[in-house]
ModelCIF file with pLDDT and N, C-alpha, C, O atoms, coordinates in Angstrom:
data_MODEL
#
_entry.id   MODEL 
#
_entity.id                         1 
_entity.type                       polymer 
_entity.pdbx_number_of_molecules   1 
#
_entity_poly.entity_id                      1 
_entity_poly.type                           'polypeptide(L)' 
_entity_poly.nstd_linkage                   no 
_entity_poly.nstd_monomer                   no 
_entity_poly.pdbx_seq_one_letter_code       APGDEVTARRAEFAARLTEPAVLARLAATMAGSDVPYQDD 
_entity_poly.pdbx_seq_one_letter_code_can   APGDEVTARRAEFAARLTEPAVLARLAATMAGSDVPYQDD 
_entity_poly.pdbx_strand_id                 A 
#
loop_
_entity_poly_seq.entity_id 
_entity_poly_seq.num 
_entity_poly_seq.mon_id 
_entity_poly_seq.hetero 
1 1  ALA n 
1 2  PRO n 
1 3  GLY n 
1 4  ASP n 
1 5  GLU n 
1 6  VAL n 
1 7  THR n 
1 8  ALA n 
1 9  ARG n 
1 10 ARG n 
1 11 ALA n 
1 12 GLU n 
1 13 PHE n 
1 14 ALA n 
1 15 ALA n 
1 16 ARG n 
1 17 LEU n 
1 18 THR n 
1 19 GLU n 
1 20 PRO n 
1 21 ALA n 
1 22 VAL n 
1 23 LEU n 
1 24 ALA n 
1 25 ARG n 
1 26 LEU n 
1 27 ALA n 
1 28 ALA n 
1 29 THR n 
1 30 MET n 
1 31 ALA n 
1 32 GLY n 
1 33 SER n 
1 34 ASP n 
1 35 VAL n 
1 36 PRO n 
1 37 TYR n 
1 38 GLN n 
1 39 ASP n 
1 40 ASP n 
#
_struct_asym.id          A 
_struct_asym.entity_id   1 
#
loop_
_ma_qa_metric.id 
_ma_qa_metric.mode 
_ma_qa_metric.name 
_ma_qa_metric.software_group_id 
_ma_qa_metric.type 
1 global pLDDT . pLDDT 
2 local  pLDDT . pLDDT 
#
_ma_qa_metric_global.metric_id      1 
_ma_qa_metric_global.metric_value   93.33 
_ma_qa_metric_global.model_id       1 
_ma_qa_metric_global.ordinal_id     1 
#
loop_
_ma_qa_metric_local.label_asym_id 
_ma_qa_metric_local.label_comp_id 
_ma_qa_metric_local.label_seq_id 
_ma_qa_metric_local.metric_id 
_ma_qa_metric_local.metric_value 
_ma_qa_metric_local.model_id 
_ma_qa_metric_local.ordinal_id 
A ALA 1  2 92.00 1 1  
A PRO 2  2 93.00 1 2  
A GLY 3  2 93.00 1 3  
A ASP 4  2 94.00 1 4  
A GLU 5  2 96.00 1 5  
A VAL 6  2 96.00 1 6  
A THR 7  2 96.00 1 7  
A ALA 8  2 96.00 1 8  
A ARG 9  2 96.00 1 9  
A ARG 10 2 96.00 1 10 
A ALA 11 2 96.00 1 11 
A GLU 12 2 95.00 1 12 
A PHE 13 2 95.00 1 13 
A ALA 14 2 94.00 1 14 
A ALA 15 2 93.00 1 15 
A ARG 16 2 93.00 1 16 
A LEU 17 2 90.00 1 17 
A THR 18 2 84.00 1 18 
A GLU 19 2 90.00 1 19 
A PRO 20 2 91.00 1 20 
A ALA 21 2 94.00 1 21 
A VAL 22 2 94.00 1 22 
A LEU 23 2 94.00 1 23 
A ALA 24 2 95.00 1 24 
A ARG 25 2 94.00 1 25 
A LEU 26 2 94.00 1 26 
A ALA 27 2 94.00 1 27 
A ALA 28 2 94.00 1 28 
A THR 29 2 91.00 1 29 
A MET 30 2 91.00 1 30 
A ALA 31 2 92.00 1 31 
A GLY 32 2 91.00 1 32 
A SER 33 2 92.00 1 33 
A ASP 34 2 92.00 1 34 
A VAL 35 2 92.00 1 35 
A PRO 36 2 96.00 1 36 
A TYR 37 2 97.00 1 37 
A GLN 38 2 94.00 1 38 
A ASP 39 2 91.00 1 39 
A ASP 40 2 92.00 1 40 
#
loop_
_atom_site.group_PDB 
_atom_site.id 
_atom_site.type_symbol 
_atom_site.label_atom_id 
_atom_site.label_alt_id 
_atom_site.label_comp_id 
_atom_site.label_asym_id 
_atom_site.label_entity_id 
_atom_site.label_seq_id 
_atom_site.pdbx_PDB_ins_code 
_atom_site.Cartn_x 
_atom_site.Cartn_y 
_atom_site.Cartn_z 
_atom_site.occupancy 
_atom_site.B_iso_or_equiv 
_atom_site.pdbx_formal_charge 
_atom_site.auth_seq_id 
_atom_site.auth_comp_id 
_atom_site.auth_asym_id 
_atom_site.auth_atom_id 
_atom_site.pdbx_PDB_model_num 
ATOM 1   N N  . ALA A 1 1  ? 89.206 -4.008  -278.064 1.00 92.00 ? 1  ALA A N  1 
ATOM 2   C CA . ALA A 1 1  ? 90.678 -4.050  -278.917 1.00 92.00 ? 1  ALA A CA 1 
ATOM 3   C C  . ALA A 1 1  ? 91.619 -3.238  -278.313 1.00 92.00 ? 1  ALA A C  1 
ATOM 4   O O  . ALA A 1 1  ? 91.274 -2.429  -277.452 1.00 92.00 ? 1  ALA A O  1 
ATOM 5   N N  . PRO A 1 2  ? 93.078 -3.392  -278.761 1.00 93.00 ? 2  PRO A N  1 
ATOM 6   C CA . PRO A 1 2  ? 94.060 -2.608  -278.294 1.00 93.00 ? 2  PRO A CA 1 
ATOM 7   C C  . PRO A 1 2  ? 94.172 -1.337  -278.900 1.00 93.00 ? 2  PRO A C  1 
ATOM 8   O O  . PRO A 1 2  ? 93.632 -1.201  -279.997 1.00 93.00 ? 2  PRO A O  1 
ATOM 9   N N  . GLY A 1 3  ? 94.827 -0.289  -278.348 1.00 93.00 ? 3  GLY A N  1 
ATOM 10  C CA . GLY A 1 3  ? 95.152 0.935   -279.029 1.00 93.00 ? 3  GLY A CA 1 
ATOM 11  C C  . GLY A 1 3  ? 94.622 2.106   -278.173 1.00 93.00 ? 3  GLY A C  1 
ATOM 12  O O  . GLY A 1 3  ? 93.705 1.995   -277.358 1.00 93.00 ? 3  GLY A O  1 
ATOM 13  N N  . ASP A 1 4  ? 95.326 3.287   -278.456 1.00 94.00 ? 4  ASP A N  1 
ATOM 14  C CA . ASP A 1 4  ? 95.031 4.447   -277.653 1.00 94.00 ? 4  ASP A CA 1 
ATOM 15  C C  . ASP A 1 4  ? 93.561 5.093   -278.243 1.00 94.00 ? 4  ASP A C  1 
ATOM 16  O O  . ASP A 1 4  ? 92.864 5.815   -277.529 1.00 94.00 ? 4  ASP A O  1 
ATOM 17  N N  . GLU A 1 5  ? 93.220 4.766   -279.522 1.00 96.00 ? 5  GLU A N  1 
ATOM 18  C CA . GLU A 1 5  ? 91.945 5.347   -279.865 1.00 96.00 ? 5  GLU A CA 1 
ATOM 19  C C  . GLU A 1 5  ? 90.782 4.601   -279.145 1.00 96.00 ? 5  GLU A C  1 
ATOM 20  O O  . GLU A 1 5  ? 89.778 5.212   -278.778 1.00 96.00 ? 5  GLU A O  1 
ATOM 21  N N  . VAL A 1 6  ? 90.951 3.230   -278.948 1.00 96.00 ? 6  VAL A N  1 
ATOM 22  C CA . VAL A 1 6  ? 89.948 2.624   -278.231 1.00 96.00 ? 6  VAL A CA 1 
ATOM 23  C C  . VAL A 1 6  ? 89.900 2.976   -276.870 1.00 96.00 ? 6  VAL A C  1 
ATOM 24  O O  . VAL A 1 6  ? 88.852 3.026   -276.226 1.00 96.00 ? 6  VAL A O  1 
ATOM 25  N N  . THR A 1 7  ? 91.044 3.225   -276.414 1.00 96.00 ? 7  THR A N  1 
ATOM 26  C CA . THR A 1 7  ? 90.934 3.642   -274.936 1.00 96.00 ? 7  THR A CA 1 
ATOM 27  C C  . THR A 1 7  ? 90.287 5.063   -274.847 1.00 96.00 ? 7  THR A C  1 
ATOM 28  O O  . THR A 1 7  ? 89.615 5.270   -273.836 1.00 96.00 ? 7  THR A O  1 
ATOM 29  N N  . ALA A 1 8  ? 90.376 5.878   -275.587 1.00 96.00 ? 8  ALA A N  1 
ATOM 30  C CA . ALA A 1 8  ? 89.804 7.144   -275.686 1.00 96.00 ? 8  ALA A CA 1 
ATOM 31  C C  . ALA A 1 8  ? 88.159 6.869   -275.905 1.00 96.00 ? 8  ALA A C  1 
ATOM 32  O O  . ALA A 1 8  ? 87.319 7.519   -275.283 1.00 96.00 ? 8  ALA A O  1 
ATOM 33  N N  . ARG A 1 9  ? 87.863 5.968   -276.734 1.00 96.00 ? 9  ARG A N  1 
ATOM 34  C CA . ARG A 1 9  ? 86.576 5.517   -276.745 1.00 96.00 ? 9  ARG A CA 1 
ATOM 35  C C  . ARG A 1 9  ? 85.839 5.160   -275.551 1.00 96.00 ? 9  ARG A C  1 
ATOM 36  O O  . ARG A 1 9  ? 84.754 5.615   -275.192 1.00 96.00 ? 9  ARG A O  1 
ATOM 37  N N  . ARG A 1 10 ? 86.617 4.220   -274.933 1.00 96.00 ? 10 ARG A N  1 
ATOM 38  C CA . ARG A 1 10 ? 86.237 3.672   -273.743 1.00 96.00 ? 10 ARG A CA 1 
ATOM 39  C C  . ARG A 1 10 ? 86.009 4.678   -272.521 1.00 96.00 ? 10 ARG A C  1 
ATOM 40  O O  . ARG A 1 10 ? 85.097 4.561   -271.702 1.00 96.00 ? 10 ARG A O  1 
ATOM 41  N N  . ALA A 1 11 ? 86.797 5.495   -272.523 1.00 96.00 ? 11 ALA A N  1 
ATOM 42  C CA . ALA A 1 11 ? 86.572 6.687   -271.468 1.00 96.00 ? 11 ALA A CA 1 
ATOM 43  C C  . ALA A 1 11 ? 85.313 7.424   -271.704 1.00 96.00 ? 11 ALA A C  1 
ATOM 44  O O  . ALA A 1 11 ? 84.640 7.755   -270.728 1.00 96.00 ? 11 ALA A O  1 
ATOM 45  N N  . GLU A 1 12 ? 84.925 7.715   -272.908 1.00 95.00 ? 12 GLU A N  1 
ATOM 46  C CA . GLU A 1 12 ? 83.672 8.359   -273.388 1.00 95.00 ? 12 GLU A CA 1 
ATOM 47  C C  . GLU A 1 12 ? 82.572 7.504   -273.060 1.00 95.00 ? 12 GLU A C  1 
ATOM 48  O O  . GLU A 1 12 ? 81.559 7.952   -272.521 1.00 95.00 ? 12 GLU A O  1 
ATOM 49  N N  . PHE A 1 13 ? 82.743 6.070   -273.411 1.00 95.00 ? 13 PHE A N  1 
ATOM 50  C CA . PHE A 1 13 ? 81.647 5.158   -273.003 1.00 95.00 ? 13 PHE A CA 1 
ATOM 51  C C  . PHE A 1 13 ? 81.410 5.035   -271.675 1.00 95.00 ? 13 PHE A C  1 
ATOM 52  O O  . PHE A 1 13 ? 80.258 4.975   -271.247 1.00 95.00 ? 13 PHE A O  1 
ATOM 53  N N  . ALA A 1 14 ? 82.436 4.987   -270.917 1.00 94.00 ? 14 ALA A N  1 
ATOM 54  C CA . ALA A 1 14 ? 82.389 4.852   -269.430 1.00 94.00 ? 14 ALA A CA 1 
ATOM 55  C C  . ALA A 1 14 ? 81.564 6.067   -268.697 1.00 94.00 ? 14 ALA A C  1 
ATOM 56  O O  . ALA A 1 14 ? 80.863 5.885   -267.701 1.00 94.00 ? 14 ALA A O  1 
ATOM 57  N N  . ALA A 1 15 ? 81.754 7.333   -269.341 1.00 93.00 ? 15 ALA A N  1 
ATOM 58  C CA . ALA A 1 15 ? 81.016 8.539   -268.815 1.00 93.00 ? 15 ALA A CA 1 
ATOM 59  C C  . ALA A 1 15 ? 79.556 8.359   -268.872 1.00 93.00 ? 15 ALA A C  1 
ATOM 60  O O  . ALA A 1 15 ? 78.786 8.803   -268.020 1.00 93.00 ? 15 ALA A O  1 
ATOM 61  N N  . ARG A 1 16 ? 79.165 7.606   -270.042 1.00 93.00 ? 16 ARG A N  1 
ATOM 62  C CA . ARG A 1 16 ? 77.682 7.560   -270.259 1.00 93.00 ? 16 ARG A CA 1 
ATOM 63  C C  . ARG A 1 16 ? 76.820 6.455   -269.395 1.00 93.00 ? 16 ARG A C  1 
ATOM 64  O O  . ARG A 1 16 ? 75.595 6.435   -269.267 1.00 93.00 ? 16 ARG A O  1 
ATOM 65  N N  . LEU A 1 17 ? 77.738 5.583   -268.860 1.00 90.00 ? 17 LEU A N  1 
ATOM 66  C CA . LEU A 1 17 ? 77.131 4.382   -268.099 1.00 90.00 ? 17 LEU A CA 1 
ATOM 67  C C  . LEU A 1 17 ? 76.224 4.776   -266.956 1.00 90.00 ? 17 LEU A C  1 
ATOM 68  O O  . LEU A 1 17 ? 75.450 3.969   -266.440 1.00 90.00 ? 17 LEU A O  1 
ATOM 69  N N  . THR A 1 18 ? 76.337 6.034   -266.573 1.00 84.00 ? 18 THR A N  1 
ATOM 70  C CA . THR A 1 18 ? 75.456 6.543   -265.427 1.00 84.00 ? 18 THR A CA 1 
ATOM 71  C C  . THR A 1 18 ? 74.096 7.120   -266.167 1.00 84.00 ? 18 THR A C  1 
ATOM 72  O O  . THR A 1 18 ? 73.246 7.597   -265.416 1.00 84.00 ? 18 THR A O  1 
ATOM 73  N N  . GLU A 1 19 ? 73.864 7.112   -267.408 1.00 90.00 ? 19 GLU A N  1 
ATOM 74  C CA . GLU A 1 19 ? 72.842 7.561   -268.067 1.00 90.00 ? 19 GLU A CA 1 
ATOM 75  C C  . GLU A 1 19 ? 71.780 6.526   -267.806 1.00 90.00 ? 19 GLU A C  1 
ATOM 76  O O  . GLU A 1 19 ? 72.170 5.390   -268.079 1.00 90.00 ? 19 GLU A O  1 
ATOM 77  N N  . PRO A 1 20 ? 70.609 6.597   -267.377 1.00 91.00 ? 20 PRO A N  1 
ATOM 78  C CA . PRO A 1 20 ? 69.763 5.510   -267.197 1.00 91.00 ? 20 PRO A CA 1 
ATOM 79  C C  . PRO A 1 20 ? 69.254 4.986   -268.752 1.00 91.00 ? 20 PRO A C  1 
ATOM 80  O O  . PRO A 1 20 ? 68.957 3.798   -268.883 1.00 91.00 ? 20 PRO A O  1 
ATOM 81  N N  . ALA A 1 21 ? 69.183 5.732   -269.689 1.00 94.00 ? 21 ALA A N  1 
ATOM 82  C CA . ALA A 1 21 ? 68.756 5.150   -270.990 1.00 94.00 ? 21 ALA A CA 1 
ATOM 83  C C  . ALA A 1 21 ? 69.795 4.280   -271.683 1.00 94.00 ? 21 ALA A C  1 
ATOM 84  O O  . ALA A 1 21 ? 69.501 3.297   -272.365 1.00 94.00 ? 21 ALA A O  1 
ATOM 85  N N  . VAL A 1 22 ? 71.075 4.729   -271.450 1.00 94.00 ? 22 VAL A N  1 
ATOM 86  C CA . VAL A 1 22 ? 72.298 3.890   -271.874 1.00 94.00 ? 22 VAL A CA 1 
ATOM 87  C C  . VAL A 1 22 ? 72.428 2.616   -271.248 1.00 94.00 ? 22 VAL A C  1 
ATOM 88  O O  . VAL A 1 22 ? 72.620 1.552   -271.836 1.00 94.00 ? 22 VAL A O  1 
ATOM 89  N N  . LEU A 1 23 ? 72.293 2.817   -269.825 1.00 94.00 ? 23 LEU A N  1 
ATOM 90  C CA . LEU A 1 23 ? 72.045 1.472   -269.091 1.00 94.00 ? 23 LEU A CA 1 
ATOM 91  C C  . LEU A 1 23 ? 71.113 0.583   -269.565 1.00 94.00 ? 23 LEU A C  1 
ATOM 92  O O  . LEU A 1 23 ? 71.401 -0.588  -269.812 1.00 94.00 ? 23 LEU A O  1 
ATOM 93  N N  . ALA A 1 24 ? 69.856 1.118   -269.734 1.00 95.00 ? 24 ALA A N  1 
ATOM 94  C CA . ALA A 1 24 ? 68.755 0.214   -270.206 1.00 95.00 ? 24 ALA A CA 1 
ATOM 95  C C  . ALA A 1 24 ? 68.883 -0.335  -271.476 1.00 95.00 ? 24 ALA A C  1 
ATOM 96  O O  . ALA A 1 24 ? 68.365 -1.431  -271.689 1.00 95.00 ? 24 ALA A O  1 
ATOM 97  N N  . ARG A 1 25 ? 69.479 0.239   -272.343 1.00 94.00 ? 25 ARG A N  1 
ATOM 98  C CA . ARG A 1 25 ? 69.751 -0.156  -273.825 1.00 94.00 ? 25 ARG A CA 1 
ATOM 99  C C  . ARG A 1 25 ? 70.850 -1.099  -273.737 1.00 94.00 ? 25 ARG A C  1 
ATOM 100 O O  . ARG A 1 25 ? 70.936 -1.886  -274.680 1.00 94.00 ? 25 ARG A O  1 
ATOM 101 N N  . LEU A 1 26 ? 71.724 -1.193  -272.795 1.00 94.00 ? 26 LEU A N  1 
ATOM 102 C CA . LEU A 1 26 ? 72.755 -2.170  -272.764 1.00 94.00 ? 26 LEU A CA 1 
ATOM 103 C C  . LEU A 1 26 ? 72.263 -3.433  -272.170 1.00 94.00 ? 26 LEU A C  1 
ATOM 104 O O  . LEU A 1 26 ? 72.590 -4.533  -272.615 1.00 94.00 ? 26 LEU A O  1 
ATOM 105 N N  . ALA A 1 27 ? 71.499 -3.270  -271.195 1.00 94.00 ? 27 ALA A N  1 
ATOM 106 C CA . ALA A 1 27 ? 70.630 -4.405  -270.621 1.00 94.00 ? 27 ALA A CA 1 
ATOM 107 C C  . ALA A 1 27 ? 69.841 -5.075  -271.533 1.00 94.00 ? 27 ALA A C  1 
ATOM 108 O O  . ALA A 1 27 ? 69.939 -6.287  -271.721 1.00 94.00 ? 27 ALA A O  1 
ATOM 109 N N  . ALA A 1 28 ? 69.086 -4.374  -272.096 1.00 94.00 ? 28 ALA A N  1 
ATOM 110 C CA . ALA A 1 28 ? 68.043 -5.073  -273.064 1.00 94.00 ? 28 ALA A CA 1 
ATOM 111 C C  . ALA A 1 28 ? 68.932 -5.570  -274.206 1.00 94.00 ? 28 ALA A C  1 
ATOM 112 O O  . ALA A 1 28 ? 68.561 -6.623  -274.725 1.00 94.00 ? 28 ALA A O  1 
ATOM 113 N N  . THR A 1 29 ? 69.951 -5.045  -274.648 1.00 91.00 ? 29 THR A N  1 
ATOM 114 C CA . THR A 1 29 ? 70.663 -5.859  -275.715 1.00 91.00 ? 29 THR A CA 1 
ATOM 115 C C  . THR A 1 29 ? 71.178 -7.120  -275.176 1.00 91.00 ? 29 THR A C  1 
ATOM 116 O O  . THR A 1 29 ? 71.082 -8.100  -275.915 1.00 91.00 ? 29 THR A O  1 
ATOM 117 N N  . MET A 1 30 ? 71.671 -7.259  -274.102 1.00 91.00 ? 30 MET A N  1 
ATOM 118 C CA . MET A 1 30 ? 72.375 -8.481  -273.440 1.00 91.00 ? 30 MET A CA 1 
ATOM 119 C C  . MET A 1 30 ? 71.488 -9.220  -273.236 1.00 91.00 ? 30 MET A C  1 
ATOM 120 O O  . MET A 1 30 ? 71.781 -10.404 -273.402 1.00 91.00 ? 30 MET A O  1 
ATOM 121 N N  . ALA A 1 31 ? 70.103 -8.930  -272.819 1.00 92.00 ? 31 ALA A N  1 
ATOM 122 C CA . ALA A 1 31 ? 69.090 -9.831  -272.477 1.00 92.00 ? 31 ALA A CA 1 
ATOM 123 C C  . ALA A 1 31 ? 68.561 -10.452 -273.647 1.00 92.00 ? 31 ALA A C  1 
ATOM 124 O O  . ALA A 1 31 ? 68.013 -11.550 -273.541 1.00 92.00 ? 31 ALA A O  1 
ATOM 125 N N  . GLY A 1 32 ? 68.674 -9.798  -274.904 1.00 91.00 ? 32 GLY A N  1 
ATOM 126 C CA . GLY A 1 32 ? 68.141 -10.079 -276.033 1.00 91.00 ? 32 GLY A CA 1 
ATOM 127 C C  . GLY A 1 32 ? 66.672 -9.572  -276.196 1.00 91.00 ? 32 GLY A C  1 
ATOM 128 O O  . GLY A 1 32 ? 65.924 -10.041 -277.054 1.00 91.00 ? 32 GLY A O  1 
ATOM 129 N N  . SER A 1 33 ? 66.325 -8.650  -275.379 1.00 92.00 ? 33 SER A N  1 
ATOM 130 C CA . SER A 1 33 ? 64.863 -8.150  -275.479 1.00 92.00 ? 33 SER A CA 1 
ATOM 131 C C  . SER A 1 33 ? 64.683 -6.864  -276.253 1.00 92.00 ? 33 SER A C  1 
ATOM 132 O O  . SER A 1 33 ? 63.603 -6.277  -276.315 1.00 92.00 ? 33 SER A O  1 
ATOM 133 N N  . ASP A 1 34 ? 65.827 -6.442  -276.856 1.00 92.00 ? 34 ASP A N  1 
ATOM 134 C CA . ASP A 1 34 ? 65.619 -5.077  -277.568 1.00 92.00 ? 34 ASP A CA 1 
ATOM 135 C C  . ASP A 1 34 ? 65.096 -5.151  -278.968 1.00 92.00 ? 34 ASP A C  1 
ATOM 136 O O  . ASP A 1 34 ? 64.775 -4.142  -279.596 1.00 92.00 ? 34 ASP A O  1 
ATOM 137 N N  . VAL A 1 35 ? 65.013 -6.418  -279.461 1.00 92.00 ? 35 VAL A N  1 
ATOM 138 C CA . VAL A 1 35 ? 64.363 -6.600  -280.865 1.00 92.00 ? 35 VAL A CA 1 
ATOM 139 C C  . VAL A 1 35 ? 63.264 -7.431  -280.719 1.00 92.00 ? 35 VAL A C  1 
ATOM 140 O O  . VAL A 1 35 ? 63.471 -8.628  -280.517 1.00 92.00 ? 35 VAL A O  1 
ATOM 141 N N  . PRO A 1 36 ? 61.895 -6.921  -280.798 1.00 96.00 ? 36 PRO A N  1 
ATOM 142 C CA . PRO A 1 36 ? 60.746 -7.734  -280.633 1.00 96.00 ? 36 PRO A CA 1 
ATOM 143 C C  . PRO A 1 36 ? 60.495 -8.731  -281.833 1.00 96.00 ? 36 PRO A C  1 
ATOM 144 O O  . PRO A 1 36 ? 61.147 -8.543  -282.860 1.00 96.00 ? 36 PRO A O  1 
ATOM 145 N N  . TYR A 1 37 ? 59.746 -9.603  -281.788 1.00 97.00 ? 37 TYR A N  1 
ATOM 146 C CA . TYR A 1 37 ? 59.151 -10.469 -282.927 1.00 97.00 ? 37 TYR A CA 1 
ATOM 147 C C  . TYR A 1 37 ? 58.275 -9.531  -283.753 1.00 97.00 ? 37 TYR A C  1 
ATOM 148 O O  . TYR A 1 37 ? 58.285 -9.587  -284.982 1.00 97.00 ? 37 TYR A O  1 
ATOM 149 N N  . GLN A 1 38 ? 57.562 -8.720  -283.113 1.00 94.00 ? 38 GLN A N  1 
ATOM 150 C CA . GLN A 1 38 ? 56.656 -7.886  -283.868 1.00 94.00 ? 38 GLN A CA 1 
ATOM 151 C C  . GLN A 1 38 ? 56.310 -6.512  -283.127 1.00 94.00 ? 38 GLN A C  1 
ATOM 152 O O  . GLN A 1 38 ? 56.149 -6.455  -281.908 1.00 94.00 ? 38 GLN A O  1 
ATOM 153 N N  . ASP A 1 39 ? 56.220 -5.523  -283.893 1.00 91.00 ? 39 ASP A N  1 
ATOM 154 C CA . ASP A 1 39 ? 55.934 -4.265  -283.287 1.00 91.00 ? 39 ASP A CA 1 
ATOM 155 C C  . ASP A 1 39 ? 54.319 -3.832  -283.191 1.00 91.00 ? 39 ASP A C  1 
ATOM 156 O O  . ASP A 1 39 ? 53.630 -3.997  -284.197 1.00 91.00 ? 39 ASP A O  1 
ATOM 157 N N  . ASP A 1 40 ? 53.778 -3.331  -282.099 1.00 92.00 ? 40 ASP A N  1 
ATOM 158 C CA . ASP A 1 40 ? 52.471 -2.915  -281.929 1.00 92.00 ? 40 ASP A CA 1 
ATOM 159 C C  . ASP A 1 40 ? 52.487 -1.834  -281.061 1.00 92.00 ? 40 ASP A C  1 
ATOM 160 O O  . ASP A 1 40 ? 51.434 -1.279  -280.748 1.00 92.00 ? 40 ASP A O  1 
#
């Protein structure tokens, strides 16, 4: 979305993209593998 506040959030978000846990969570979300049909 437009706006300076969003731009600031994007800068914070970009700084975290080098963190393996953040990258893994985004990849799983886009793949649709982050929500299992059941938990064991």
